[in-house]
Amino acid sequence: MSAGCTWHDVPTKYGTKSTVHR
């Protein structure tokens, strides 16, 4: 789910619950 961002950059815009693609 790295839409223009890295997996560690996801929680910055989605939330800590969406850190890694579960």
C-alpha atoms as a PDB file:
ATOM      1  CA  MET A   1       0.000   0.000   0.000  1.00  0.00           C
ATOM      2  CA  SER A   2       2.908   2.285  -0.745  1.00  0.00           C
ATOM      3  CA  ALA A   3       1.079   4.917  -2.759  1.00  0.00           C
ATOM      4  CA  GLY A   4       3.961   7.271  -3.435  1.00  0.00           C
ATOM      5  CA  CYS A   5       5.313   6.638   0.058  1.00  0.00           C
ATOM      6  CA  THR A   6       7.312   3.974   1.796  1.00  0.00           C
ATOM      7  CA  TRP A   7       5.858   1.507   4.306  1.00  0.00           C
ATOM      8  CA  HIS A   8       7.384   3.478   7.178  1.00  0.00           C
ATOM      9  CA  ASP A   9       5.954   6.690   5.784  1.00  0.00           C
ATOM     10  CA  VAL A  10       2.416   5.327   5.744  1.00  0.00           C
ATOM     11  CA  PRO A  11       1.612   5.910   9.473  1.00  0.00           C
ATOM     12  CA  THR A  12       2.460   9.564   8.954  1.00  0.00           C
ATOM     13  CA  LYS A  13      -0.577  10.055   6.753  1.00  0.00           C
ATOM     14  CA  TYR A  14      -2.779   7.020   7.410  1.00  0.00           C
ATOM     15  CA  GLY A  15      -2.169   6.139  11.041  1.00  0.00           C
ATOM     16  CA  THR A  16      -0.143   3.765  13.168  1.00  0.00           C
ATOM     17  CA  LYS A  17      -2.735   1.049  12.583  1.00  0.00           C
ATOM     18  CA  SER A  18      -1.946   1.117   8.890  1.00  0.00           C
ATOM     19  CA  THR A  19       1.824   1.008   9.309  1.00  0.00           C
ATOM     20  CA  VAL A  20       2.328  -2.194   7.333  1.00  0.00           C
ATOM     21  CA  HIS A  21      -0.021  -3.666   4.733  1.00  0.00           C
ATOM     22  CA  ARG A  22      -2.006  -6.080   6.866  1.00  0.00           C
END
